[in-house]
Amino acid sequence: MGVQPPNFSWVLPGRLAGLALPRLPAHYQFLLDQGVRHLVSLTERGPPHNDSCPGLTLHRLRIPDFCPPAPEQIDRFMQIVNEANARGEGRMYLHLFPAPSVEPFANF
């Protein structure tokens, strides 16, 4: 059984969760327990222990700290969402470090 990551919340209920950095293998298990199959990290460095849960796919967009995403990164995020939805894996977890907003990613 997993442990909820700090500050975990649903941005779009049942579709997009965000804002917490998973630091423990139990955090990744929690995400799987919630039905999340895709972790999208917007940080330059990947989250620790991200290989501890094989059922969770990590996607890295590597946005520099305190910078907004580039249009290509928003397009890539939308591609990840569309491909996951096509496979019935639509629940996402969006992790970011200091950045202006997840709003560009919340409109899918």
N, C-alpha and C. Protein backbone atom coordinates (compact mmCIF):
# COMPACT_ATOMS: atom_id res chain seq x y z
N MET A 1 0.84 -1.19 0.00
CA MET A 1 0.00 0.00 0.00
C MET A 1 0.88 1.25 0.00
N GLY A 2 0.48 2.25 -0.74
CA GLY A 2 1.27 3.45 -0.89
C GLY A 2 1.00 4.50 0.18
N VAL A 3 1.82 5.52 0.14
CA VAL A 3 1.71 6.66 1.05
C VAL A 3 1.53 7.91 0.20
N GLN A 4 0.54 8.73 0.54
CA GLN A 4 0.26 9.93 -0.24
C GLN A 4 1.47 10.87 -0.24
N PRO A 5 1.90 11.32 -1.44
CA PRO A 5 3.00 12.30 -1.50
C PRO A 5 2.56 13.62 -0.87
N PRO A 6 3.51 14.42 -0.40
CA PRO A 6 3.15 15.72 0.18
C PRO A 6 2.41 16.58 -0.84
N ASN A 7 1.38 17.27 -0.36
CA ASN A 7 0.61 18.23 -1.16
C ASN A 7 -0.09 17.62 -2.37
N PHE A 8 -0.34 16.33 -2.36
CA PHE A 8 -1.05 15.69 -3.47
C PHE A 8 -2.46 16.25 -3.55
N SER A 9 -2.88 16.60 -4.75
CA SER A 9 -4.27 17.01 -4.97
C SER A 9 -4.63 16.81 -6.43
N TRP A 10 -5.92 16.66 -6.67
CA TRP A 10 -6.41 16.55 -8.03
C TRP A 10 -6.64 17.96 -8.57
N VAL A 11 -6.02 18.30 -9.69
CA VAL A 11 -6.23 19.56 -10.37
C VAL A 11 -7.52 19.46 -11.18
N LEU A 12 -7.66 18.37 -11.89
CA LEU A 12 -8.90 18.00 -12.57
C LEU A 12 -9.30 16.65 -11.99
N PRO A 13 -10.36 16.60 -11.18
CA PRO A 13 -10.69 15.37 -10.45
C PRO A 13 -10.72 14.13 -11.35
N GLY A 14 -9.91 13.14 -10.93
CA GLY A 14 -9.86 11.87 -11.63
C GLY A 14 -9.08 11.89 -12.93
N ARG A 15 -8.54 13.06 -13.33
CA ARG A 15 -7.83 13.15 -14.60
C ARG A 15 -6.40 13.66 -14.47
N LEU A 16 -6.21 14.70 -13.64
CA LEU A 16 -4.90 15.32 -13.52
C LEU A 16 -4.65 15.69 -12.07
N ALA A 17 -3.61 15.09 -11.49
CA ALA A 17 -3.19 15.42 -10.13
C ALA A 17 -1.86 16.15 -10.22
N GLY A 18 -1.54 16.91 -9.19
CA GLY A 18 -0.28 17.61 -9.31
C GLY A 18 0.28 18.20 -8.04
N LEU A 19 1.44 18.82 -8.23
CA LEU A 19 2.16 19.66 -7.30
C LEU A 19 3.01 18.97 -6.26
N ALA A 20 2.98 17.70 -6.09
CA ALA A 20 3.81 17.03 -5.08
C ALA A 20 4.98 16.30 -5.73
N LEU A 21 6.13 16.35 -5.07
CA LEU A 21 7.30 15.62 -5.55
C LEU A 21 7.32 14.26 -4.88
N PRO A 22 7.16 13.18 -5.63
CA PRO A 22 7.28 11.86 -5.01
C PRO A 22 8.74 11.60 -4.65
N ARG A 23 8.99 11.29 -3.39
CA ARG A 23 10.36 11.07 -2.93
C ARG A 23 10.62 9.65 -2.47
N LEU A 24 9.56 8.91 -2.22
CA LEU A 24 9.69 7.55 -1.70
C LEU A 24 9.04 6.55 -2.64
N PRO A 25 9.54 5.32 -2.67
CA PRO A 25 8.85 4.30 -3.47
C PRO A 25 7.36 4.18 -3.11
N ALA A 26 7.01 4.39 -1.85
CA ALA A 26 5.60 4.30 -1.43
C ALA A 26 4.76 5.41 -2.05
N HIS A 27 5.35 6.54 -2.40
CA HIS A 27 4.61 7.60 -3.09
C HIS A 27 4.19 7.15 -4.48
N TYR A 28 5.08 6.45 -5.17
CA TYR A 28 4.76 5.95 -6.51
C TYR A 28 3.67 4.88 -6.43
N GLN A 29 3.73 4.06 -5.39
CA GLN A 29 2.69 3.05 -5.21
C GLN A 29 1.34 3.72 -4.96
N PHE A 30 1.33 4.80 -4.19
CA PHE A 30 0.10 5.56 -3.96
C PHE A 30 -0.50 6.02 -5.29
N LEU A 31 0.35 6.55 -6.17
CA LEU A 31 -0.14 7.00 -7.47
C LEU A 31 -0.78 5.85 -8.24
N LEU A 32 -0.12 4.70 -8.25
CA LEU A 32 -0.71 3.53 -8.91
C LEU A 32 -2.03 3.15 -8.27
N ASP A 33 -2.09 3.21 -6.93
CA ASP A 33 -3.33 2.89 -6.22
C ASP A 33 -4.46 3.84 -6.61
N GLN A 34 -4.12 5.07 -7.00
CA GLN A 34 -5.11 6.06 -7.44
C GLN A 34 -5.49 5.89 -8.91
N GLY A 35 -4.86 4.95 -9.60
CA GLY A 35 -5.15 4.72 -11.01
C GLY A 35 -4.27 5.53 -11.94
N VAL A 36 -3.29 6.25 -11.39
CA VAL A 36 -2.38 7.03 -12.22
C VAL A 36 -1.38 6.09 -12.88
N ARG A 37 -1.17 6.25 -14.17
CA ARG A 37 -0.22 5.41 -14.90
C ARG A 37 0.90 6.22 -15.54
N HIS A 38 0.78 7.55 -15.52
CA HIS A 38 1.77 8.41 -16.16
C HIS A 38 2.17 9.54 -15.21
N LEU A 39 3.47 9.66 -14.99
CA LEU A 39 4.03 10.75 -14.20
C LEU A 39 4.76 11.68 -15.17
N VAL A 40 4.32 12.92 -15.25
CA VAL A 40 4.95 13.91 -16.12
C VAL A 40 5.73 14.86 -15.22
N SER A 41 7.06 14.81 -15.34
CA SER A 41 7.92 15.66 -14.53
C SER A 41 8.37 16.85 -15.36
N LEU A 42 8.18 18.04 -14.80
CA LEU A 42 8.57 19.26 -15.49
C LEU A 42 9.89 19.81 -14.97
N THR A 43 10.57 19.06 -14.13
CA THR A 43 11.81 19.52 -13.53
C THR A 43 13.01 19.14 -14.38
N GLU A 44 14.09 19.87 -14.17
CA GLU A 44 15.31 19.56 -14.91
C GLU A 44 15.92 18.24 -14.45
N ARG A 45 15.77 17.94 -13.16
CA ARG A 45 16.24 16.66 -12.62
C ARG A 45 15.03 15.78 -12.35
N GLY A 46 15.15 14.51 -12.65
CA GLY A 46 14.05 13.58 -12.43
C GLY A 46 13.79 13.33 -10.96
N PRO A 47 12.58 12.93 -10.61
CA PRO A 47 12.26 12.63 -9.22
C PRO A 47 13.01 11.37 -8.76
N PRO A 48 13.39 11.34 -7.47
CA PRO A 48 14.13 10.19 -6.96
C PRO A 48 13.27 8.92 -6.95
N HIS A 49 13.91 7.79 -7.07
CA HIS A 49 13.26 6.47 -7.02
C HIS A 49 12.19 6.28 -8.10
N ASN A 50 12.29 7.03 -9.20
CA ASN A 50 11.23 6.93 -10.21
C ASN A 50 11.20 5.58 -10.91
N ASP A 51 12.22 4.77 -10.71
CA ASP A 51 12.22 3.43 -11.30
C ASP A 51 11.70 2.36 -10.34
N SER A 52 11.17 2.79 -9.20
CA SER A 52 10.74 1.84 -8.17
C SER A 52 9.37 1.24 -8.44
N CYS A 53 8.65 1.76 -9.42
CA CYS A 53 7.29 1.28 -9.68
C CYS A 53 7.13 1.07 -11.18
N PRO A 54 7.37 -0.15 -11.66
CA PRO A 54 7.35 -0.38 -13.11
C PRO A 54 6.01 -0.10 -13.79
N GLY A 55 4.92 -0.06 -13.06
CA GLY A 55 3.62 0.22 -13.67
C GLY A 55 3.37 1.68 -13.96
N LEU A 56 4.30 2.54 -13.56
CA LEU A 56 4.16 3.98 -13.74
C LEU A 56 5.19 4.45 -14.77
N THR A 57 4.72 5.12 -15.82
CA THR A 57 5.60 5.60 -16.87
C THR A 57 6.00 7.04 -16.58
N LEU A 58 7.31 7.31 -16.58
CA LEU A 58 7.82 8.65 -16.35
C LEU A 58 8.04 9.35 -17.69
N HIS A 59 7.54 10.57 -17.80
CA HIS A 59 7.77 11.44 -18.96
C HIS A 59 8.46 12.69 -18.43
N ARG A 60 9.57 13.07 -19.05
CA ARG A 60 10.33 14.24 -18.59
C ARG A 60 10.27 15.34 -19.64
N LEU A 61 9.79 16.52 -19.23
CA LEU A 61 9.74 17.66 -20.14
C LEU A 61 10.84 18.68 -19.85
N ARG A 62 11.49 18.62 -18.70
CA ARG A 62 12.68 19.41 -18.34
C ARG A 62 12.54 20.90 -18.61
N ILE A 63 11.65 21.52 -17.90
CA ILE A 63 11.47 22.97 -17.99
C ILE A 63 12.40 23.61 -16.96
N PRO A 64 13.23 24.57 -17.37
CA PRO A 64 14.11 25.23 -16.39
C PRO A 64 13.31 25.84 -15.24
N ASP A 65 13.88 25.78 -14.04
CA ASP A 65 13.22 26.32 -12.86
C ASP A 65 12.79 27.77 -13.07
N PHE A 66 11.59 28.07 -12.62
CA PHE A 66 11.01 29.42 -12.66
C PHE A 66 10.71 29.91 -14.06
N CYS A 67 10.65 29.01 -15.03
CA CYS A 67 10.37 29.39 -16.42
C CYS A 67 9.06 28.75 -16.87
N PRO A 68 8.34 29.41 -17.76
CA PRO A 68 7.13 28.80 -18.31
C PRO A 68 7.51 27.73 -19.35
N PRO A 69 6.59 26.82 -19.63
CA PRO A 69 6.89 25.82 -20.66
C PRO A 69 6.92 26.46 -22.05
N ALA A 70 7.77 25.91 -22.90
CA ALA A 70 7.81 26.33 -24.31
C ALA A 70 6.61 25.73 -25.03
N PRO A 71 6.17 26.33 -26.13
CA PRO A 71 5.04 25.78 -26.88
C PRO A 71 5.25 24.31 -27.25
N GLU A 72 6.50 23.94 -27.59
CA GLU A 72 6.78 22.55 -27.95
C GLU A 72 6.57 21.61 -26.76
N GLN A 73 6.86 22.09 -25.56
CA GLN A 73 6.66 21.27 -24.37
C GLN A 73 5.18 21.09 -24.08
N ILE A 74 4.40 22.12 -24.31
CA ILE A 74 2.94 21.99 -24.14
C ILE A 74 2.41 21.01 -25.18
N ASP A 75 2.89 21.10 -26.41
CA ASP A 75 2.48 20.15 -27.46
C ASP A 75 2.85 18.73 -27.08
N ARG A 76 4.05 18.54 -26.53
CA ARG A 76 4.49 17.19 -26.12
C ARG A 76 3.60 16.67 -25.00
N PHE A 77 3.26 17.54 -24.03
CA PHE A 77 2.36 17.13 -22.95
C PHE A 77 1.01 16.68 -23.53
N MET A 78 0.48 17.45 -24.46
CA MET A 78 -0.80 17.09 -25.08
C MET A 78 -0.69 15.76 -25.82
N GLN A 79 0.44 15.50 -26.46
CA GLN A 79 0.65 14.22 -27.13
C GLN A 79 0.65 13.08 -26.11
N ILE A 80 1.32 13.27 -24.98
CA ILE A 80 1.34 12.25 -23.92
C ILE A 80 -0.08 11.98 -23.45
N VAL A 81 -0.84 13.05 -23.20
CA VAL A 81 -2.23 12.91 -22.74
C VAL A 81 -3.08 12.17 -23.77
N ASN A 82 -2.99 12.57 -25.03
CA ASN A 82 -3.80 11.95 -26.07
C ASN A 82 -3.46 10.47 -26.26
N GLU A 83 -2.17 10.14 -26.22
CA GLU A 83 -1.77 8.74 -26.36
C GLU A 83 -2.23 7.92 -25.16
N ALA A 84 -2.12 8.48 -23.97
CA ALA A 84 -2.58 7.77 -22.77
C ALA A 84 -4.09 7.57 -22.81
N ASN A 85 -4.82 8.59 -23.21
CA ASN A 85 -6.28 8.47 -23.31
C ASN A 85 -6.68 7.41 -24.33
N ALA A 86 -5.97 7.35 -25.45
CA ALA A 86 -6.27 6.36 -26.49
C ALA A 86 -6.08 4.94 -25.97
N ARG A 87 -5.18 4.76 -25.01
CA ARG A 87 -4.94 3.43 -24.42
C ARG A 87 -5.77 3.20 -23.16
N GLY A 88 -6.63 4.15 -22.79
CA GLY A 88 -7.43 4.02 -21.58
C GLY A 88 -6.62 4.25 -20.31
N GLU A 89 -5.50 4.98 -20.43
CA GLU A 89 -4.63 5.27 -19.29
C GLU A 89 -4.62 6.76 -19.01
N GLY A 90 -5.78 7.38 -18.96
CA GLY A 90 -5.87 8.83 -18.94
C GLY A 90 -5.51 9.54 -17.67
N ARG A 91 -5.40 8.86 -16.54
CA ARG A 91 -5.06 9.57 -15.31
C ARG A 91 -3.59 9.96 -15.31
N MET A 92 -3.32 11.23 -15.04
CA MET A 92 -1.96 11.78 -15.08
C MET A 92 -1.60 12.37 -13.73
N TYR A 93 -0.33 12.41 -13.48
CA TYR A 93 0.21 13.09 -12.31
C TYR A 93 1.27 14.03 -12.82
N LEU A 94 1.08 15.30 -12.61
CA LEU A 94 1.99 16.32 -13.11
C LEU A 94 2.82 16.83 -11.95
N HIS A 95 4.13 16.64 -12.04
CA HIS A 95 5.03 17.11 -10.98
C HIS A 95 5.85 18.27 -11.51
N LEU A 96 5.92 19.32 -10.72
CA LEU A 96 6.77 20.43 -11.07
C LEU A 96 7.46 20.96 -9.83
N PHE A 97 8.54 21.64 -10.05
CA PHE A 97 9.23 22.32 -8.97
C PHE A 97 8.85 23.79 -9.10
N PRO A 98 9.65 24.74 -8.73
CA PRO A 98 9.22 26.13 -8.86
C PRO A 98 8.95 26.48 -10.32
N ALA A 99 7.75 26.80 -10.61
CA ALA A 99 7.34 27.20 -11.95
C ALA A 99 6.13 28.10 -11.80
N PRO A 100 5.85 28.93 -12.78
CA PRO A 100 4.76 29.88 -12.64
C PRO A 100 3.39 29.25 -12.44
N SER A 101 3.09 28.18 -13.15
CA SER A 101 1.73 27.66 -13.10
C SER A 101 1.62 26.36 -13.86
N VAL A 102 0.68 25.52 -13.45
CA VAL A 102 0.36 24.32 -14.24
C VAL A 102 -0.78 24.62 -15.19
N GLU A 103 -1.31 25.83 -15.17
CA GLU A 103 -2.48 26.15 -15.96
C GLU A 103 -2.34 25.82 -17.44
N PRO A 104 -1.18 26.06 -18.10
CA PRO A 104 -1.11 25.69 -19.51
C PRO A 104 -1.35 24.20 -19.74
N PHE A 105 -1.09 23.38 -18.72
CA PHE A 105 -1.25 21.95 -18.85
C PHE A 105 -2.62 21.47 -18.39
N ALA A 106 -3.39 22.31 -17.74
CA ALA A 106 -4.66 21.88 -17.15
C ALA A 106 -5.84 22.04 -18.10
N ASN A 107 -5.61 22.48 -19.29
CA ASN A 107 -6.70 22.75 -20.23
C ASN A 107 -6.82 21.66 -21.31
N PHE A 108 -6.71 20.40 -20.91
CA PHE A 108 -6.81 19.34 -21.92
C PHE A 108 -8.10 18.59 -21.82
